């Protein structure tokens, strides 16, 4: 217990040194209410599958994450549907069908401008996460397949093309996986403060004893070595079973007390790694409801409104 207390104190002391920036100028249109931190988010396999209601979760999610393959056109219907639900759209845009070097060379600029023009027409911000979890080894764009130099060049290129074409309405989310033995150093993939609005951290319960302090905090500490940008826990979950309630409690407690963490996004789906659906686990759902109702009640040290 003493070791965990010392670790938690060291984490709090380290993170309290970071002054968190407050997002970006997105030129919000008058009369459009924008969701803001703290974010309670759910990841949806498709934008048509909106999250469960506030009655089910204890609180209405104000961020919905969806997944798109780089090259697919921007959907003019899905983002407005999410916004009408009362949530910020977060689109994870992943380059399965093209290379980072091709993107950096400008071969997809027409696509990037068309995608950004769709956001511009919406008249409210949309968050974009490009090439997520590049510090791992499992994606075609991972650091085991492409160098950090190429990743950074691709990231900066899409930022420079899409930002003006969108009317400066994109919230740029640089999303990495939790660090682990063998993962690439995060600093080697960092595009620079001028190219990122928020940092996203993905991390799931994987083994007995996993908590926010052991599974997510080491990544936050590494990130704080080179940026003070706000941090979103951009994808997390625990497989259905006895460990899920404990992970949920630790997740929300850690997000609440860690300076600069602006929200959490639950992956409410079944994958090859497990079934993370809250509605299939009564104990997990009950804990999620309890924690969601009180999340954000404490004063926050950032207000990164989009």
Protein backbone atom coordinates (compact mmCIF):
# COMPACT_ATOMS: atom_id res chain seq x y z
CA UNK A 1 0.00 0.00 0.00
CA UNK A 2 2.80 2.40 0.87
CA UNK A 3 4.47 1.78 -2.50
CA UNK A 4 1.23 2.62 -4.33
CA UNK A 5 0.76 5.76 -2.23
CA UNK A 6 4.30 6.94 -2.99
CA UNK A 7 3.79 6.24 -6.71
CA UNK A 8 0.51 8.17 -6.72
CA UNK A 9 2.10 11.10 -4.89
CA UNK A 10 5.03 11.16 -7.33
CA UNK A 11 2.63 11.12 -10.27
CA UNK A 12 0.57 13.98 -8.83
CA UNK A 13 3.69 16.05 -8.15
CA UNK A 14 5.06 15.47 -11.64
CA UNK A 15 1.82 16.19 -13.45
CA UNK A 16 1.06 19.29 -11.40
CA UNK A 17 4.10 20.92 -13.01
CA UNK A 18 2.40 20.83 -16.40
CA UNK A 19 0.38 23.86 -17.46
CA UNK A 20 -2.35 22.57 -19.73
CA UNK A 21 -3.15 24.44 -22.92
CA UNK A 22 -6.77 25.18 -23.74
CA UNK A 23 -7.44 23.81 -27.20
CA UNK A 24 -7.55 25.82 -30.39
CA UNK A 25 -9.42 28.59 -32.15
CA UNK A 26 -12.24 26.82 -33.95
CA UNK A 27 -14.31 29.89 -34.81
CA UNK A 28 -17.52 28.59 -33.30
CA UNK A 29 -20.67 29.88 -34.98
CA UNK A 30 -23.03 31.87 -32.81
CA UNK A 31 -25.97 29.93 -31.43
CA UNK A 32 -24.38 26.47 -31.60
CA UNK A 33 -23.82 24.95 -28.14
CA UNK A 34 -20.59 22.99 -27.96
CA UNK A 35 -19.91 20.04 -25.64
CA UNK A 36 -16.90 20.69 -23.43
CA UNK A 37 -14.72 18.99 -20.84
CA UNK A 38 -14.96 16.85 -18.90
CA UNK A 39 -15.80 14.50 -21.73
CA UNK A 40 -17.67 11.27 -21.16
CA UNK A 41 -17.36 9.42 -24.45
CA UNK A 42 -18.32 6.15 -26.07
CA UNK A 43 -16.77 4.64 -29.18
CA UNK A 44 -19.26 3.53 -31.83
CA UNK A 45 -18.44 1.02 -34.54
CA UNK A 46 -20.50 3.21 -36.86
CA UNK A 47 -22.01 6.66 -36.49
CA UNK A 48 -25.42 5.08 -36.99
CA UNK A 49 -24.96 3.26 -33.68
CA UNK A 50 -25.32 6.07 -31.17
CA UNK A 51 -24.53 5.37 -27.51
CA UNK A 52 -27.06 4.14 -24.96
CA UNK A 53 -29.20 6.81 -23.36
CA UNK A 54 -28.40 8.85 -20.29
CA UNK A 55 -30.94 6.75 -18.37
CA UNK A 56 -28.89 3.63 -19.11
CA UNK A 57 -25.46 5.12 -18.41
CA UNK A 58 -26.32 7.56 -15.64
CA UNK A 59 -25.24 10.48 -17.81
CA UNK A 60 -25.51 11.41 -21.48
CA UNK A 61 -22.18 10.99 -23.32
CA UNK A 62 -20.93 14.29 -24.76
CA UNK A 63 -18.37 12.73 -27.11
CA UNK A 64 -18.86 9.94 -29.66
CA UNK A 65 -15.89 8.33 -31.40
CA UNK A 66 -16.31 6.69 -34.81
CA UNK A 67 -13.85 4.94 -37.11
CA UNK A 68 -13.19 5.71 -40.77
CA UNK A 69 -10.67 4.36 -43.26
CA UNK A 70 -8.48 7.00 -44.88
CA UNK A 71 -9.85 7.44 -48.40
CA UNK A 72 -13.50 7.06 -47.44
CA UNK A 73 -15.46 10.27 -48.03
CA UNK A 74 -16.62 12.46 -45.20
CA UNK A 75 -20.23 11.66 -44.27
CA UNK A 76 -22.34 14.80 -44.18
CA UNK A 77 -24.98 12.91 -42.18
CA UNK A 78 -23.08 11.13 -39.41
CA UNK A 79 -21.35 14.09 -37.73
CA UNK A 80 -24.58 16.16 -37.59
CA UNK A 81 -26.34 13.12 -36.14
CA UNK A 82 -23.74 12.93 -33.37
CA UNK A 83 -23.94 16.66 -32.75
CA UNK A 84 -27.74 16.52 -32.62
CA UNK A 85 -27.35 13.85 -29.95
CA UNK A 86 -25.42 16.49 -27.97
CA UNK A 87 -21.91 15.11 -28.42
CA UNK A 88 -18.64 16.15 -30.03
CA UNK A 89 -17.77 13.92 -33.02
CA UNK A 90 -14.32 12.32 -32.82
CA UNK A 91 -13.36 10.63 -36.09
CA UNK A 92 -10.46 8.18 -36.01
CA UNK A 93 -9.07 8.31 -39.56
CA UNK A 94 -6.70 5.40 -40.22
CA UNK A 95 -4.63 4.84 -43.39
CA UNK A 96 -5.19 1.14 -44.10
CA UNK A 97 -5.06 1.54 -47.88
CA UNK A 98 -2.26 4.03 -48.40
CA UNK A 99 1.17 4.69 -46.97
CA UNK A 100 2.35 7.48 -44.72
CA UNK A 101 5.00 8.38 -47.27
CA UNK A 102 2.35 8.78 -50.00
CA UNK A 103 0.32 11.05 -47.73
CA UNK A 104 3.38 13.12 -46.83
CA UNK A 105 4.19 13.47 -50.56
CA UNK A 106 0.79 15.03 -51.21
CA UNK A 107 -0.76 12.22 -53.26
CA UNK A 108 -4.01 12.38 -51.29
CA UNK A 109 -4.38 16.15 -51.04
CA UNK A 110 -7.59 16.21 -53.09
CA UNK A 111 -9.19 13.74 -50.70
CA UNK A 112 -7.98 15.68 -47.67
CA UNK A 113 -9.46 18.94 -48.98
CA UNK A 114 -12.80 17.32 -49.77
CA UNK A 115 -12.96 15.73 -46.32
CA UNK A 116 -12.08 19.04 -44.66
CA UNK A 117 -14.64 20.92 -46.77
CA UNK A 118 -17.33 18.65 -45.35
CA UNK A 119 -16.30 19.73 -41.85
CA UNK A 120 -16.25 23.38 -42.90
CA UNK A 121 -19.87 23.15 -44.05
CA UNK A 122 -20.99 21.82 -40.66
CA UNK A 123 -20.12 25.11 -38.92
CA UNK A 124 -18.98 23.43 -35.72
CA UNK A 125 -15.79 21.63 -34.62
CA UNK A 126 -14.98 18.00 -35.30
CA UNK A 127 -12.12 16.15 -33.62
CA UNK A 128 -9.83 14.11 -35.88
CA UNK A 129 -7.45 11.36 -34.77
CA UNK A 130 -5.09 10.22 -37.53
CA UNK A 131 -3.10 6.96 -37.59
CA UNK A 132 -3.81 5.99 -34.00
CA UNK A 133 -1.48 3.88 -31.84
CA UNK A 134 1.55 4.36 -34.08
CA UNK A 135 3.85 3.52 -31.13
CA UNK A 136 2.70 -0.11 -31.33
CA UNK A 137 3.46 -2.75 -33.93
CA UNK A 138 0.04 -4.03 -35.08
CA UNK A 139 -1.01 -1.44 -37.70
CA UNK A 140 0.45 -0.85 -41.18
CA UNK A 141 1.41 2.69 -40.08
CA UNK A 142 3.02 1.55 -36.81
CA UNK A 143 6.58 2.50 -35.97
CA UNK A 144 7.68 -1.05 -36.81
CA UNK A 145 6.62 -0.38 -40.43
CA UNK A 146 7.32 3.34 -40.88
CA UNK A 147 9.86 5.64 -39.26
CA UNK A 148 8.94 8.40 -36.85
CA UNK A 149 10.23 10.91 -39.39
CA UNK A 150 7.73 9.68 -42.01
CA UNK A 151 4.88 9.59 -39.49
CA UNK A 152 5.56 13.17 -38.41
CA UNK A 153 5.80 14.34 -42.04
CA UNK A 154 2.44 12.72 -42.85
CA UNK A 155 0.78 14.15 -39.74
CA UNK A 156 2.05 17.67 -40.40
CA UNK A 157 1.03 17.47 -44.04
CA UNK A 158 -2.58 16.50 -43.37
CA UNK A 159 -2.75 19.17 -40.66
CA UNK A 160 -1.46 21.86 -43.02
CA UNK A 161 -3.82 20.83 -45.83
CA UNK A 162 -6.97 20.20 -43.80
CA UNK A 163 -6.83 23.00 -41.23
CA UNK A 164 -7.42 25.91 -43.64
CA UNK A 165 -9.76 23.84 -45.83
CA UNK A 166 -11.94 23.12 -42.76
CA UNK A 167 -12.15 26.75 -41.71
CA UNK A 168 -9.89 25.93 -38.76
CA UNK A 169 -12.61 23.75 -37.21
CA UNK A 170 -10.59 20.56 -36.56
CA UNK A 171 -9.52 19.51 -33.09
CA UNK A 172 -6.36 17.48 -33.75
CA UNK A 173 -6.03 14.45 -31.45
CA UNK A 174 -2.61 12.75 -31.52
CA UNK A 175 -3.58 9.29 -30.25
CA UNK A 176 -1.07 6.75 -28.89
CA UNK A 177 -1.29 3.38 -27.23
CA UNK A 178 -0.29 2.90 -23.60
CA UNK A 179 3.46 2.37 -23.39
CA UNK A 180 4.70 -1.17 -22.91
CA UNK A 181 8.03 -3.02 -23.19
CA UNK A 182 9.02 -2.81 -26.84
CA UNK A 183 6.78 0.13 -27.78
CA UNK A 184 8.42 3.02 -29.61
CA UNK A 185 9.37 6.18 -27.70
CA UNK A 186 6.49 8.63 -27.89
CA UNK A 187 8.70 11.67 -28.38
CA UNK A 188 9.97 10.19 -31.66
CA UNK A 189 6.41 10.37 -33.03
CA UNK A 190 5.47 13.81 -31.68
CA UNK A 191 4.48 16.21 -34.52
CA UNK A 192 4.98 19.31 -32.38
CA UNK A 193 2.74 21.51 -30.24
CA UNK A 194 1.62 23.58 -33.21
CA UNK A 195 0.16 20.49 -34.89
CA UNK A 196 -1.75 18.93 -31.99
CA UNK A 197 -4.73 20.13 -29.94
CA UNK A 198 -5.16 17.19 -27.57
CA UNK A 199 -3.21 14.03 -26.80
CA UNK A 200 -5.19 10.79 -26.88
CA UNK A 201 -4.12 7.77 -24.83
CA UNK A 202 -5.54 4.29 -25.50
CA UNK A 203 -5.28 1.69 -22.77
CA UNK A 204 -7.34 -1.30 -21.66
CA UNK A 205 -7.45 -3.60 -18.64
CA UNK A 206 -5.23 -6.50 -19.68
CA UNK A 207 -4.10 -8.34 -16.56
CA UNK A 208 -4.87 -8.75 -12.84
CA UNK A 209 -3.76 -5.72 -10.89
CA UNK A 210 -4.17 -3.26 -13.76
CA UNK A 211 -5.28 0.18 -12.54
CA UNK A 212 -5.13 3.71 -13.88
CA UNK A 213 -1.83 4.15 -12.01
CA UNK A 214 -0.20 1.07 -13.54
CA UNK A 215 -1.76 0.95 -17.02
CA UNK A 216 -2.29 4.60 -18.02
CA UNK A 217 -0.23 6.84 -15.75
CA UNK A 218 3.18 5.72 -17.12
CA UNK A 219 2.09 6.90 -20.59
CA UNK A 220 0.88 10.23 -19.20
CA UNK A 221 4.21 10.71 -17.43
CA UNK A 222 6.08 10.05 -20.70
CA UNK A 223 3.81 12.46 -22.59
CA UNK A 224 4.39 15.15 -19.98
CA UNK A 225 8.09 14.92 -20.77
CA UNK A 226 7.49 16.86 -24.01
CA UNK A 227 4.03 18.50 -23.96
CA UNK A 228 1.45 20.01 -21.62
CA UNK A 229 -1.47 19.51 -24.05
CA UNK A 230 -4.78 18.27 -22.58
CA UNK A 231 -5.08 14.48 -22.49
CA UNK A 232 -8.12 12.43 -23.47
CA UNK A 233 -8.29 8.75 -22.52
CA UNK A 234 -9.40 8.10 -26.09
CA UNK A 235 -10.16 4.39 -25.93
CA UNK A 236 -10.45 2.09 -22.95
CA UNK A 237 -12.40 -0.84 -21.60
CA UNK A 238 -12.31 -4.04 -19.59
CA UNK A 239 -13.70 -7.38 -20.81
CA UNK A 240 -16.94 -8.53 -19.26
CA UNK A 241 -16.20 -10.21 -15.95
CA UNK A 242 -15.27 -9.62 -12.31
CA UNK A 243 -12.40 -7.23 -13.13
CA UNK A 244 -14.52 -4.73 -15.07
CA UNK A 245 -16.08 -2.80 -12.12
CA UNK A 246 -12.70 -2.29 -10.48
CA UNK A 247 -11.19 -0.99 -13.73
CA UNK A 248 -14.08 1.42 -14.21
CA UNK A 249 -13.75 2.81 -10.71
CA UNK A 250 -9.98 3.20 -11.07
CA UNK A 251 -10.40 4.77 -14.51
CA UNK A 252 -12.76 7.51 -13.39
CA UNK A 253 -10.87 8.19 -10.16
CA UNK A 254 -7.59 8.51 -12.04
CA UNK A 255 -9.10 10.75 -14.70
CA UNK A 256 -10.65 12.96 -12.03
CA UNK A 257 -7.50 13.54 -10.00
CA UNK A 258 -4.86 13.65 -12.76
CA UNK A 259 -4.21 17.22 -13.91
CA UNK A 260 -4.82 17.80 -17.60
CA UNK A 261 -6.98 14.72 -18.25
CA UNK A 262 -10.13 16.06 -19.90
CA UNK A 263 -12.21 12.92 -20.42
CA UNK A 264 -12.57 9.19 -20.99
CA UNK A 265 -13.96 7.22 -23.95
CA UNK A 266 -15.29 3.70 -23.36
CA UNK A 267 -15.06 1.13 -26.18
CA UNK A 268 -18.53 -0.37 -25.83
CA UNK A 269 -18.12 -3.23 -28.28
CA UNK A 270 -16.89 -6.80 -28.66
CA UNK A 271 -13.49 -7.33 -30.25
CA UNK A 272 -10.91 -10.08 -30.65
CA UNK A 273 -9.58 -9.13 -27.20
CA UNK A 274 -12.89 -9.40 -25.35
CA UNK A 275 -16.44 -8.22 -24.85
CA UNK A 276 -16.40 -4.65 -23.52
CA UNK A 277 -20.14 -4.01 -23.81
CA UNK A 278 -21.49 -2.49 -20.61
CA UNK A 279 -25.04 -3.56 -21.32
CA UNK A 280 -23.92 -7.23 -21.15
CA UNK A 281 -22.33 -6.88 -17.71
CA UNK A 282 -24.76 -5.71 -14.96
CA UNK A 283 -22.03 -5.16 -12.35
CA UNK A 284 -19.88 -3.13 -14.78
CA UNK A 285 -22.88 -1.09 -15.92
CA UNK A 286 -23.87 -0.32 -12.33
CA UNK A 287 -20.34 0.89 -11.55
CA UNK A 288 -20.20 2.93 -14.77
CA UNK A 289 -23.50 4.61 -13.89
CA UNK A 290 -22.28 5.49 -10.41
CA UNK A 291 -18.95 6.89 -11.59
CA UNK A 292 -20.38 8.70 -14.62
CA UNK A 293 -22.91 10.60 -12.51
CA UNK A 294 -20.20 12.15 -10.34
CA UNK A 295 -17.42 12.48 -12.93
CA UNK A 296 -16.37 16.08 -13.31
CA UNK A 297 -17.96 17.28 -10.08
CA UNK A 298 -14.58 18.41 -8.77
CA UNK A 299 -13.12 21.68 -10.09
CA UNK A 300 -11.08 21.17 -13.25
CA UNK A 301 -7.81 22.91 -14.05
CA UNK A 302 -8.51 23.14 -17.79
CA UNK A 303 -11.47 24.12 -19.93
CA UNK A 304 -10.48 23.00 -23.47
CA UNK A 305 -13.71 23.99 -25.19
CA UNK A 306 -13.70 23.16 -28.89
